[in-house]
Amino acid sequence: MEHKADDAWHWTRRSPRFLSNMSVFFLVHANGAKYYTELTSAGKEAHTSCVALATGAAALTVILCLLSEHLTFEGHSSDLLLDNYSSKDPLANAARGALALGVVGSLVLL
C-alpha cells in the first residue's frame, strides 16, 4: 500500500507496534541523563564501566535472541520474536508477561 507524503498520520495495523517501540526509546532516552548524573558523582571510571557492562550485556542478549530465533525458525519468522510462538505456549506467555512488566515497570524510573 502506497502512502503520500502528506499522509503522515495514516493509521495501519503496524502503528501500535511502532508506538510501542517509540515509547521504549523515549524511556531509555529520558533515563540516560538521570543515570549519568547519579554515576558521575561516583567518578567517571564507574560511569564508563557501568555503561560498558550494560552495553555488553544488552548486545549479548540481543545476539542470543536473534541466534535462537534464526535457529528455531530459519528466516521464516515475524518481526517480533514472541509473535512466532503459539498463544498456548506457557513459556512464551511467561516471556510476554515479563516483557510487559518490564516496560510498565520502567515507567516508575522517570
PDB file of N, CA and C in Angstrom:
ATOM      1  N   MET A   1       0.839  -1.172   0.000  1.00  0.00           N
ATOM      2  CA  MET A   1       0.000   0.000   0.000  1.00  0.00           C
ATOM      3  C   MET A   1       0.886   1.237   0.000  1.00  0.00           C
ATOM      4  N   GLU A   2       0.692   2.121  -0.934  1.00  0.00           N
ATOM      5  CA  GLU A   2       1.489   3.323  -1.072  1.00  0.00           C
ATOM      6  C   GLU A   2       0.837   4.480  -0.315  1.00  0.00           C
ATOM      7  N   HIS A   3       1.659   5.259   0.373  1.00  0.00           N
ATOM      8  CA  HIS A   3       1.159   6.411   1.113  1.00  0.00           C
ATOM      9  C   HIS A   3       1.778   7.669   0.551  1.00  0.00           C
ATOM     10  N   LYS A   4       1.015   8.727   0.498  1.00  0.00           N
ATOM     11  CA  LYS A   4       1.514  10.011   0.038  1.00  0.00           C
ATOM     12  C   LYS A   4       2.273  10.692   1.166  1.00  0.00           C
ATOM     13  N   ALA A   5       3.129  11.617   0.794  1.00  0.00           N
ATOM     14  CA  ALA A   5       3.932  12.328   1.793  1.00  0.00           C
ATOM     15  C   ALA A   5       3.072  13.122   2.768  1.00  0.00           C
ATOM     16  N   ASP A   6       1.914  13.599   2.321  1.00  0.00           N
ATOM     17  CA  ASP A   6       1.062  14.385   3.213  1.00  0.00           C
ATOM     18  C   ASP A   6       0.176  13.510   4.099  1.00  0.00           C
ATOM     19  N   ASP A   7       0.342  12.225   3.999  1.00  0.00           N
ATOM     20  CA  ASP A   7      -0.460  11.281   4.770  1.00  0.00           C
ATOM     21  C   ASP A   7       0.350  10.720   5.946  1.00  0.00           C
ATOM     22  N   ALA A   8       1.011  11.609   6.683  1.00  0.00           N
ATOM     23  CA  ALA A   8       1.903  11.178   7.768  1.00  0.00           C
ATOM     24  C   ALA A   8       1.159  10.544   8.937  1.00  0.00           C
ATOM     25  N   TRP A   9      -0.114  10.851   9.105  1.00  0.00           N
ATOM     26  CA  TRP A   9      -0.861  10.349  10.248  1.00  0.00           C
ATOM     27  C   TRP A   9      -1.754   9.164   9.891  1.00  0.00           C
ATOM     28  N   HIS A  10      -1.465   8.517   8.802  1.00  0.00           N
ATOM     29  CA  HIS A  10      -2.246   7.354   8.391  1.00  0.00           C
ATOM     30  C   HIS A  10      -2.029   6.203   9.381  1.00  0.00           C
ATOM     31  N   TRP A  11      -3.096   5.631   9.875  1.00  0.00           N
ATOM     32  CA  TRP A  11      -3.042   4.558  10.862  1.00  0.00           C
ATOM     33  C   TRP A  11      -3.121   3.208  10.146  1.00  0.00           C
ATOM     34  N   THR A  12      -2.140   2.330  10.423  1.00  0.00           N
ATOM     35  CA  THR A  12      -2.139   0.986   9.841  1.00  0.00           C
ATOM     36  C   THR A  12      -2.129  -0.023  10.969  1.00  0.00           C
ATOM     37  N   ARG A  13      -2.160  -1.287  10.612  1.00  0.00           N
ATOM     38  CA  ARG A  13      -2.146  -2.319  11.654  1.00  0.00           C
ATOM     39  C   ARG A  13      -0.777  -2.409  12.337  1.00  0.00           C
ATOM     40  N   ARG A  14       0.244  -1.831  11.741  1.00  0.00           N
ATOM     41  CA  ARG A  14       1.578  -1.833  12.350  1.00  0.00           C
ATOM     42  C   ARG A  14       1.825  -0.610  13.225  1.00  0.00           C
ATOM     43  N   SER A  15       0.912   0.327  13.250  1.00  0.00           N
ATOM     44  CA  SER A  15       1.085   1.552  14.029  1.00  0.00           C
ATOM     45  C   SER A  15       1.225   1.302  15.528  1.00  0.00           C
ATOM     46  N   PRO A  16       0.428   0.414  16.156  1.00  0.00           N
ATOM     47  CA  PRO A  16       0.623   0.168  17.595  1.00  0.00           C
ATOM     48  C   PRO A  16       2.026  -0.360  17.924  1.00  0.00           C
ATOM     49  N   ARG A  17       2.571  -1.190  17.058  1.00  0.00           N
ATOM     50  CA  ARG A  17       3.930  -1.702  17.283  1.00  0.00           C
ATOM     51  C   ARG A  17       4.941  -0.560  17.220  1.00  0.00           C
ATOM     52  N   PHE A  18       4.759   0.331  16.265  1.00  0.00           N
ATOM     53  CA  PHE A  18       5.643   1.484  16.141  1.00  0.00           C
ATOM     54  C   PHE A  18       5.558   2.370  17.381  1.00  0.00           C
ATOM     55  N   LEU A  19       4.347   2.652  17.847  1.00  0.00           N
ATOM     56  CA  LEU A  19       4.171   3.484  19.044  1.00  0.00           C
ATOM     57  C   LEU A  19       4.779   2.822  20.276  1.00  0.00           C
ATOM     58  N   SER A  20       4.668   1.513  20.363  1.00  0.00           N
ATOM     59  CA  SER A  20       5.270   0.785  21.476  1.00  0.00           C
ATOM     60  C   SER A  20       6.792   0.923  21.457  1.00  0.00           C
ATOM     61  N   ASN A  21       7.380   0.753  20.295  1.00  0.00           N
ATOM     62  CA  ASN A  21       8.831   0.906  20.172  1.00  0.00           C
ATOM     63  C   ASN A  21       9.263   2.326  20.523  1.00  0.00           C
ATOM     64  N   MET A  22       8.503   3.309  20.059  1.00  0.00           N
ATOM     65  CA  MET A  22       8.856   4.694  20.350  1.00  0.00           C
ATOM     66  C   MET A  22       8.766   4.994  21.841  1.00  0.00           C
ATOM     67  N   SER A  23       7.827   4.379  22.550  1.00  0.00           N
ATOM     68  CA  SER A  23       7.723   4.610  23.993  1.00  0.00           C
ATOM     69  C   SER A  23       8.919   4.020  24.724  1.00  0.00           C
ATOM     70  N   VAL A  24       9.386   2.867  24.282  1.00  0.00           N
ATOM     71  CA  VAL A  24      10.580   2.277  24.897  1.00  0.00           C
ATOM     72  C   VAL A  24      11.796   3.160  24.625  1.00  0.00           C
ATOM     73  N   PHE A  25      11.931   3.652  23.396  1.00  0.00           N
ATOM     74  CA  PHE A  25      13.051   4.540  23.073  1.00  0.00           C
ATOM     75  C   PHE A  25      13.011   5.796  23.923  1.00  0.00           C
ATOM     76  N   PHE A  26      11.810   6.330  24.163  1.00  0.00           N
ATOM     77  CA  PHE A  26      11.685   7.520  24.995  1.00  0.00           C
ATOM     78  C   PHE A  26      12.137   7.228  26.422  1.00  0.00           C
ATOM     79  N   LEU A  27      11.726   6.089  26.963  1.00  0.00           N
ATOM     80  CA  LEU A  27      12.115   5.749  28.334  1.00  0.00           C
ATOM     81  C   LEU A  27      13.626   5.625  28.471  1.00  0.00           C
ATOM     82  N   VAL A  28      14.251   5.002  27.491  1.00  0.00           N
ATOM     83  CA  VAL A  28      15.710   4.860  27.523  1.00  0.00           C
ATOM     84  C   VAL A  28      16.356   6.242  27.447  1.00  0.00           C
ATOM     85  N   HIS A  29      15.864   7.083  26.569  1.00  0.00           N
ATOM     86  CA  HIS A  29      16.407   8.427  26.407  1.00  0.00           C
ATOM     87  C   HIS A  29      16.238   9.249  27.684  1.00  0.00           C
ATOM     88  N   ALA A  30      15.067   9.204  28.281  1.00  0.00           N
ATOM     89  CA  ALA A  30      14.791  10.018  29.453  1.00  0.00           C
ATOM     90  C   ALA A  30      15.604   9.568  30.667  1.00  0.00           C
ATOM     91  N   ASN A  31      15.861   8.292  30.790  1.00  0.00           N
ATOM     92  CA  ASN A  31      16.591   7.787  31.949  1.00  0.00           C
ATOM     93  C   ASN A  31      18.095   7.924  31.804  1.00  0.00           C
ATOM     94  N   GLY A  32      18.586   8.098  30.598  1.00  0.00           N
ATOM     95  CA  GLY A  32      20.035   8.184  30.381  1.00  0.00           C
ATOM     96  C   GLY A  32      20.678   9.322  31.150  1.00  0.00           C
ATOM     97  N   ALA A  33      20.075  10.495  31.130  1.00  0.00           N
ATOM     98  CA  ALA A  33      20.640  11.649  31.839  1.00  0.00           C
ATOM     99  C   ALA A  33      20.626  11.425  33.350  1.00  0.00           C
ATOM    100  N   LYS A  34      19.576  10.806  33.847  1.00  0.00           N
ATOM    101  CA  LYS A  34      19.483  10.531  35.285  1.00  0.00           C
ATOM    102  C   LYS A  34      20.596   9.577  35.724  1.00  0.00           C
ATOM    103  N   TYR A  35      20.803   8.516  34.957  1.00  0.00           N
ATOM    104  CA  TYR A  35      21.857   7.554  35.298  1.00  0.00           C
ATOM    105  C   TYR A  35      23.236   8.208  35.212  1.00  0.00           C
ATOM    106  N   TYR A  36      23.435   9.053  34.214  1.00  0.00           N
ATOM    107  CA  TYR A  36      24.721   9.728  34.082  1.00  0.00           C
ATOM    108  C   TYR A  36      24.994  10.604  35.291  1.00  0.00           C
ATOM    109  N   THR A  37      23.996  11.365  35.723  1.00  0.00           N
ATOM    110  CA  THR A  37      24.162  12.247  36.885  1.00  0.00           C
ATOM    111  C   THR A  37      24.473  11.444  38.146  1.00  0.00           C
ATOM    112  N   GLU A  38      23.775  10.328  38.326  1.00  0.00           N
ATOM    113  CA  GLU A  38      23.981   9.519  39.528  1.00  0.00           C
ATOM    114  C   GLU A  38      25.350   8.839  39.529  1.00  0.00           C
ATOM    115  N   LEU A  39      25.790   8.382  38.378  1.00  0.00           N
ATOM    116  CA  LEU A  39      27.050   7.643  38.325  1.00  0.00           C
ATOM    117  C   LEU A  39      28.277   8.535  38.247  1.00  0.00           C
ATOM    118  N   THR A  40      28.168   9.745  37.698  1.00  0.00           N
ATOM    119  CA  THR A  40      29.343  10.598  37.622  1.00  0.00           C
ATOM    120  C   THR A  40      29.753  11.095  38.993  1.00  0.00           C
ATOM    121  N   SER A  41      28.828  11.117  39.942  1.00  0.00           N
ATOM    122  CA  SER A  41      29.224  11.506  41.305  1.00  0.00           C
ATOM    123  C   SER A  41      30.138  10.454  41.912  1.00  0.00           C
ATOM    124  N   ALA A  42      30.045   9.215  41.448  1.00  0.00           N
ATOM    125  CA  ALA A  42      30.946   8.161  41.917  1.00  0.00           C
ATOM    126  C   ALA A  42      32.258   8.168  41.141  1.00  0.00           C
ATOM    127  N   GLY A  43      32.325   8.925  40.079  1.00  0.00           N
ATOM    128  CA  GLY A  43      33.544   9.024  39.278  1.00  0.00           C
ATOM    129  C   GLY A  43      33.280   8.611  37.841  1.00  0.00           C
ATOM    130  N   LYS A  44      34.076   9.184  36.963  1.00  0.00           N
ATOM    131  CA  LYS A  44      33.933   8.888  35.538  1.00  0.00           C
ATOM    132  C   LYS A  44      34.243   7.421  35.241  1.00  0.00           C
ATOM    133  N   GLU A  45      35.158   6.823  35.981  1.00  0.00           N
ATOM    134  CA  GLU A  45      35.511   5.422  35.750  1.00  0.00           C
ATOM    135  C   GLU A  45      34.332   4.503  36.050  1.00  0.00           C
ATOM    136  N   ALA A  46      33.602   4.801  37.126  1.00  0.00           N
ATOM    137  CA  ALA A  46      32.429   3.991  37.475  1.00  0.00           C
ATOM    138  C   ALA A  46      31.365   4.116  36.398  1.00  0.00           C
ATOM    139  N   HIS A  47      31.168   5.324  35.902  1.00  0.00           N
ATOM    140  CA  HIS A  47      30.178   5.529  34.839  1.00  0.00           C
ATOM    141  C   HIS A  47      30.581   4.779  33.578  1.00  0.00           C
ATOM    142  N   THR A  48      31.841   4.883  33.186  1.00  0.00           N
ATOM    143  CA  THR A  48      32.323   4.222  31.978  1.00  0.00           C
ATOM    144  C   THR A  48      32.213   2.707  32.088  1.00  0.00           C
ATOM    145  N   SER A  49      32.569   2.148  33.235  1.00  0.00           N
ATOM    146  CA  SER A  49      32.494   0.691  33.387  1.00  0.00           C
ATOM    147  C   SER A  49      31.043   0.208  33.430  1.00  0.00           C
ATOM    148  N   CYS A  50      30.152   0.974  34.043  1.00  0.00           N
ATOM    149  CA  CYS A  50      28.735   0.593  34.063  1.00  0.00           C
ATOM    150  C   CYS A  50      28.134   0.641  32.666  1.00  0.00           C
ATOM    151  N   VAL A  51      28.451   1.674  31.904  1.00  0.00           N
ATOM    152  CA  VAL A  51      27.941   1.792  30.541  1.00  0.00           C
ATOM    153  C   VAL A  51      28.479   0.655  29.682  1.00  0.00           C
ATOM    154  N   ALA A  52      29.766   0.353  29.814  1.00  0.00           N
ATOM    155  CA  ALA A  52      30.359  -0.743  29.037  1.00  0.00           C
ATOM    156  C   ALA A  52      29.722  -2.082  29.403  1.00  0.00           C
ATOM    157  N   LEU A  53      29.519  -2.323  30.682  1.00  0.00           N
ATOM    158  CA  LEU A  53      28.902  -3.574  31.126  1.00  0.00           C
ATOM    159  C   LEU A  53      27.455  -3.684  30.639  1.00  0.00           C
ATOM    160  N   ALA A  54      26.693  -2.605  30.766  1.00  0.00           N
ATOM    161  CA  ALA A  54      25.296  -2.626  30.333  1.00  0.00           C
ATOM    162  C   ALA A  54      25.187  -2.792  28.813  1.00  0.00           C
ATOM    163  N   THR A  55      26.035  -2.105  28.070  1.00  0.00           N
ATOM    164  CA  THR A  55      26.013  -2.223  26.617  1.00  0.00           C
ATOM    165  C   THR A  55      26.408  -3.630  26.185  1.00  0.00           C
ATOM    166  N   GLY A  56      27.421  -4.182  26.820  1.00  0.00           N
ATOM    167  CA  GLY A  56      27.831  -5.554  26.506  1.00  0.00           C
ATOM    168  C   GLY A  56      26.758  -6.570  26.834  1.00  0.00           C
ATOM    169  N   ALA A  57      26.112  -6.411  27.984  1.00  0.00           N
ATOM    170  CA  ALA A  57      25.038  -7.337  28.365  1.00  0.00           C
ATOM    171  C   ALA A  57      23.849  -7.222  27.410  1.00  0.00           C
ATOM    172  N   ALA A  58      23.509  -6.001  27.015  1.00  0.00           N
ATOM    173  CA  ALA A  58      22.404  -5.808  26.073  1.00  0.00           C
ATOM    174  C   ALA A  58      22.746  -6.405  24.708  1.00  0.00           C
ATOM    175  N   ALA A  59      23.965  -6.185  24.243  1.00  0.00           N
ATOM    176  CA  ALA A  59      24.384  -6.739  22.947  1.00  0.00           C
ATOM    177  C   ALA A  59      24.375  -8.262  22.984  1.00  0.00           C
ATOM    178  N   LEU A  60      24.863  -8.848  24.055  1.00  0.00           N
ATOM    179  CA  LEU A  60      24.871 -10.305  24.182  1.00  0.00           C
ATOM    180  C   LEU A  60      23.452 -10.859  24.214  1.00  0.00           C
ATOM    181  N   THR A  61      22.554 -10.188  24.921  1.00  0.00           N
ATOM    182  CA  THR A  61      21.156 -10.624  24.978  1.00  0.00           C
ATOM    183  C   THR A  61      20.507 -10.583  23.596  1.00  0.00           C
ATOM    184  N   VAL A  62      20.741  -9.495  22.864  1.00  0.00           N
ATOM    185  CA  VAL A  62      20.170  -9.369  21.519  1.00  0.00           C
ATOM    186  C   VAL A  62      20.744 -10.443  20.598  1.00  0.00           C
ATOM    187  N   ILE A  63      22.031 -10.680  20.664  1.00  0.00           N
ATOM    188  CA  ILE A  63      22.663 -11.708  19.827  1.00  0.00           C
ATOM    189  C   ILE A  63      22.099 -13.080  20.139  1.00  0.00           C
ATOM    190  N   LEU A  64      21.940 -13.399  21.410  1.00  0.00           N
ATOM    191  CA  LEU A  64      21.391 -14.711  21.787  1.00  0.00           C
ATOM    192  C   LEU A  64      19.940 -14.858  21.330  1.00  0.00           C
ATOM    193  N   CYS A  65      19.153 -13.794  21.451  1.00  0.00           N
ATOM    194  CA  CYS A  65      17.753 -13.855  20.986  1.00  0.00           C
ATOM    195  C   CYS A  65      17.676 -14.027  19.482  1.00  0.00           C
ATOM    196  N   LEU A  66      18.483 -13.263  18.754  1.00  0.00           N
ATOM    197  CA  LEU A  66      18.469 -13.376  17.297  1.00  0.00           C
ATOM    198  C   LEU A  66      18.977 -14.741  16.835  1.00  0.00           C
ATOM    199  N   LEU A  67      19.985 -15.247  17.501  1.00  0.00           N
ATOM    200  CA  LEU A  67      20.518 -16.561  17.150  1.00  0.00           C
ATOM    201  C   LEU A  67      19.492 -17.654  17.426  1.00  0.00           C
ATOM    202  N   SER A  68      18.819 -17.585  18.558  1.00  0.00           N
ATOM    203  CA  SER A  68      17.800 -18.595  18.860  1.00  0.00           C
ATOM    204  C   SER A  68      16.630 -18.501  17.896  1.00  0.00           C
ATOM    205  N   GLU A  69      16.262 -17.280  17.509  1.00  0.00           N
ATOM    206  CA  GLU A  69      15.182 -17.116  16.534  1.00  0.00           C
ATOM    207  C   GLU A  69      15.578 -17.702  15.186  1.00  0.00           C
ATOM    208  N   HIS A  70      16.796 -17.436  14.754  1.00  0.00           N
ATOM    209  CA  HIS A  70      17.244 -17.959  13.463  1.00  0.00           C
ATOM    210  C   HIS A  70      17.342 -19.485  13.479  1.00  0.00           C
ATOM    211  N   LEU A  71      17.859 -20.036  14.550  1.00  0.00           N
ATOM    212  CA  LEU A  71      17.994 -21.494  14.627  1.00  0.00           C
ATOM    213  C   LEU A  71      16.640 -22.185  14.739  1.00  0.00           C
ATOM    214  N   THR A  72      15.673 -21.516  15.345  1.00  0.00           N
ATOM    215  CA  THR A  72      14.348 -22.108  15.503  1.00  0.00           C
ATOM    216  C   THR A  72      13.512 -21.987  14.236  1.00  0.00           C
ATOM    217  N   PHE A  73      13.509 -20.816  13.617  1.00  0.00           N
ATOM    218  CA  PHE A  73      12.588 -20.553  12.514  1.00  0.00           C
ATOM    219  C   PHE A  73      13.265 -20.445  11.150  1.00  0.00           C
ATOM    220  N   GLU A  74      14.573 -20.403  11.111  1.00  0.00           N
ATOM    221  CA  GLU A  74      15.366 -20.359   9.874  1.00  0.00           C
ATOM    222  C   GLU A  74      14.894 -19.286   8.903  1.00  0.00           C
ATOM    223  N   GLY A  75      14.716 -18.086   9.369  1.00  0.00           N
ATOM    224  CA  GLY A  75      14.350 -16.979   8.493  1.00  0.00           C
ATOM    225  C   GLY A  75      12.875 -16.845   8.193  1.00  0.00           C
ATOM    226  N   HIS A  76      12.052 -17.771   8.621  1.00  0.00           N
ATOM    227  CA  HIS A  76      10.604 -17.710   8.382  1.00  0.00           C
ATOM    228  C   HIS A  76       9.919 -17.213   9.652  1.00  0.00           C
ATOM    229  N   SER A  77      10.212 -15.989  10.026  1.00  0.00           N
ATOM    230  CA  SER A  77       9.689 -15.510  11.294  1.00  0.00           C
ATOM    231  C   SER A  77       9.099 -14.121  11.169  1.00  0.00           C
ATOM    232  N   SER A  78       8.342 -13.756  12.188  1.00  0.00           N
ATOM    233  CA  SER A  78       7.725 -12.441  12.283  1.00  0.00           C
ATOM    234  C   SER A  78       8.756 -11.440  12.798  1.00  0.00           C
ATOM    235  N   ASP A  79       8.408 -10.162  12.719  1.00  0.00           N
ATOM    236  CA  ASP A  79       9.310  -9.117  13.200  1.00  0.00           C
ATOM    237  C   ASP A  79       9.595  -9.246  14.695  1.00  0.00           C
ATOM    238  N   LEU A  80       8.578  -9.593  15.457  1.00  0.00           N
ATOM    239  CA  LEU A  80       8.738  -9.748  16.892  1.00  0.00           C
ATOM    240  C   LEU A  80       8.883 -11.226  17.234  1.00  0.00           C
ATOM    241  N   LEU A  81       9.896 -11.546  17.998  1.00  0.00           N
ATOM    242  CA  LEU A  81      10.208 -12.937  18.306  1.00  0.00           C
ATOM    243  C   LEU A  81       9.032 -13.669  18.936  1.00  0.00           C
ATOM    244  N   LEU A  82       8.340 -13.053  19.873  1.00  0.00           N
ATOM    245  CA  LEU A  82       7.266 -13.738  20.584  1.00  0.00           C
ATOM    246  C   LEU A  82       6.021 -13.960  19.731  1.00  0.00           C
ATOM    247  N   ASP A  83       5.916 -13.238  18.613  1.00  0.00           N
ATOM    248  CA  ASP A  83       4.785 -13.471  17.708  1.00  0.00           C
ATOM    249  C   ASP A  83       4.906 -14.802  16.973  1.00  0.00           C
ATOM    250  N   ASN A  84       6.073 -15.396  16.981  1.00  0.00           N
ATOM    251  CA  ASN A  84       6.294 -16.658  16.278  1.00  0.00           C
ATOM    252  C   ASN A  84       5.812 -17.867  17.075  1.00  0.00           C
ATOM    253  N   TYR A  85       5.573 -17.674  18.343  1.00  0.00           N
ATOM    254  CA  TYR A  85       5.166 -18.776  19.209  1.00  0.00           C
ATOM    255  C   TYR A  85       3.656 -18.777  19.407  1.00  0.00           C
ATOM    256  N   SER A  86       3.117 -19.916  19.683  1.00  0.00           N
ATOM    257  CA  SER A  86       1.684 -20.076  19.877  1.00  0.00           C
ATOM    258  C   SER A  86       1.215 -19.308  21.113  1.00  0.00           C
ATOM    259  N   SER A  87      -0.016 -18.867  21.066  1.00  0.00           N
ATOM    260  CA  SER A  87      -0.583 -18.194  22.237  1.00  0.00           C
ATOM    261  C   SER A  87      -0.869 -19.187  23.363  1.00  0.00           C
ATOM    262  N   LYS A  88      -0.742 -20.484  23.066  1.00  0.00           N
ATOM    263  CA  LYS A  88      -0.944 -21.514  24.085  1.00  0.00           C
ATOM    264  C   LYS A  88       0.376 -22.008  24.692  1.00  0.00           C
ATOM    265  N   ASP A  89       1.488 -21.481  24.231  1.00  0.00           N
ATOM    266  CA  ASP A  89       2.806 -21.870  24.744  1.00  0.00           C
ATOM    267  C   ASP A  89       3.040 -21.191  26.090  1.00  0.00           C
ATOM    268  N   PRO A  90       3.154 -21.960  27.179  1.00  0.00           N
ATOM    269  CA  PRO A  90       3.267 -21.335  28.504  1.00  0.00           C
ATOM    270  C   PRO A  90       4.555 -20.535  28.689  1.00  0.00           C
ATOM    271  N   LEU A  91       5.669 -20.999  28.123  1.00  0.00           N
ATOM    272  CA  LEU A  91       6.918 -20.244  28.266  1.00  0.00           C
ATOM    273  C   LEU A  91       6.868 -18.931  27.483  1.00  0.00           C
ATOM    274  N   ALA A  92       6.284 -18.972  26.291  1.00  0.00           N
ATOM    275  CA  ALA A  92       6.152 -17.741  25.510  1.00  0.00           C
ATOM    276  C   ALA A  92       5.217 -16.764  26.218  1.00  0.00           C
ATOM    277  N   ASN A  93       4.161 -17.271  26.815  1.00  0.00           N
ATOM    278  CA  ASN A  93       3.248 -16.400  27.558  1.00  0.00           C
ATOM    279  C   ASN A  93       3.921 -15.814  28.793  1.00  0.00           C
ATOM    280  N   ALA A  94       4.769 -16.597  29.442  1.00  0.00           N
ATOM    281  CA  ALA A  94       5.524 -16.072  30.586  1.00  0.00           C
ATOM    282  C   ALA A  94       6.479 -14.972  30.117  1.00  0.00           C
ATOM    283  N   ALA A  95       7.105 -15.173  28.965  1.00  0.00           N
ATOM    284  CA  ALA A  95       8.002 -14.156  28.422  1.00  0.00           C
ATOM    285  C   ALA A  95       7.232 -12.895  28.036  1.00  0.00           C
ATOM    286  N   ARG A  96       6.048 -13.057  27.475  1.00  0.00           N
ATOM    287  CA  ARG A  96       5.213 -11.898  27.136  1.00  0.00           C
ATOM    288  C   ARG A  96       4.859 -11.117  28.395  1.00  0.00           C
ATOM    289  N   GLY A  97       4.495 -11.831  29.445  1.00  0.00           N
ATOM    290  CA  GLY A  97       4.171 -11.172  30.706  1.00  0.00           C
ATOM    291  C   GLY A  97       5.367 -10.461  31.310  1.00  0.00           C
ATOM    292  N   ALA A  98       6.528 -11.102  31.266  1.00  0.00           N
ATOM    293  CA  ALA A  98       7.746 -10.486  31.801  1.00  0.00           C
ATOM    294  C   ALA A  98       8.114  -9.237  31.008  1.00  0.00           C
ATOM    295  N   LEU A  99       7.950  -9.302  29.703  1.00  0.00           N
ATOM    296  CA  LEU A  99       8.232  -8.138  28.860  1.00  0.00           C
ATOM    297  C   LEU A  99       7.281  -6.994  29.181  1.00  0.00           C
ATOM    298  N   ALA A 100       6.011  -7.303  29.355  1.00  0.00           N
ATOM    299  CA  ALA A 100       5.029  -6.274  29.703  1.00  0.00           C
ATOM    300  C   ALA A 100       5.344  -5.656  31.057  1.00  0.00           C
ATOM    301  N   LEU A 101       5.698  -6.478  32.033  1.00  0.00           N
ATOM    302  CA  LEU A 101       6.061  -5.948  33.358  1.00  0.00           C
ATOM    303  C   LEU A 101       7.303  -5.076  33.287  1.00  0.00           C
ATOM    304  N   GLY A 102       8.259  -5.480  32.453  1.00  0.00           N
ATOM    305  CA  GLY A 102       9.468  -4.687  32.310  1.00  0.00           C
ATOM    306  C   GLY A 102       9.210  -3.308  31.719  1.00  0.00           C
ATOM    307  N   VAL A 103       8.363  -3.272  30.705  1.00  0.00           N
ATOM    308  CA  VAL A 103       8.036  -1.982  30.081  1.00  0.00           C
ATOM    309  C   VAL A 103       7.230  -1.110  31.040  1.00  0.00           C
ATOM    310  N   VAL A 104       6.214  -1.685  31.667  1.00  0.00           N
ATOM    311  CA  VAL A 104       5.387  -0.922  32.599  1.00  0.00           C
ATOM    312  C   VAL A 104       6.209  -0.529  33.831  1.00  0.00           C
ATOM    313  N   GLY A 105       7.052  -1.417  34.311  1.00  0.00           N
ATOM    314  CA  GLY A 105       7.858  -1.131  35.475  1.00  0.00           C
ATOM    315  C   GLY A 105       8.897  -0.051  35.251  1.00  0.00           C
ATOM    316  N   SER A 106       9.319   0.117  34.004  1.00  0.00           N
ATOM    317  CA  SER A 106      10.325   1.148  33.732  1.00  0.00           C
ATOM    318  C   SER A 106       9.714   2.548  33.776  1.00  0.00           C
ATOM    319  N   LEU A 107       8.399   2.653  33.720  1.00  0.00           N
ATOM    320  CA  LEU A 107       7.764   3.966  33.806  1.00  0.00           C
ATOM    321  C   LEU A 107       8.023   4.638  35.145  1.00  0.00           C
ATOM    322  N   VAL A 108       8.142   3.866  36.205  1.00  0.00           N
ATOM    323  CA  VAL A 108       8.360   4.473  37.519  1.00  0.00           C
ATOM    324  C   VAL A 108       9.754   5.057  37.662  1.00  0.00           C
ATOM    325  N   LEU A 109      10.664   4.704  36.748  1.00  0.00           N
ATOM    326  CA  LEU A 109      12.019   5.253  36.815  1.00  0.00           C
ATOM    327  C   LEU A 109      12.080   6.701  36.373  1.00  0.00           C
ATOM    328  N   LEU A 110      11.032   7.146  35.677  1.00  0.00           N
ATOM    329  CA  LEU A 110      11.022   8.546  35.256  1.00  0.00           C
ATOM    330  C   LEU A 110      10.744   9.396  36.453  1.00  0.00           C
TER     331      LEU A 110
END
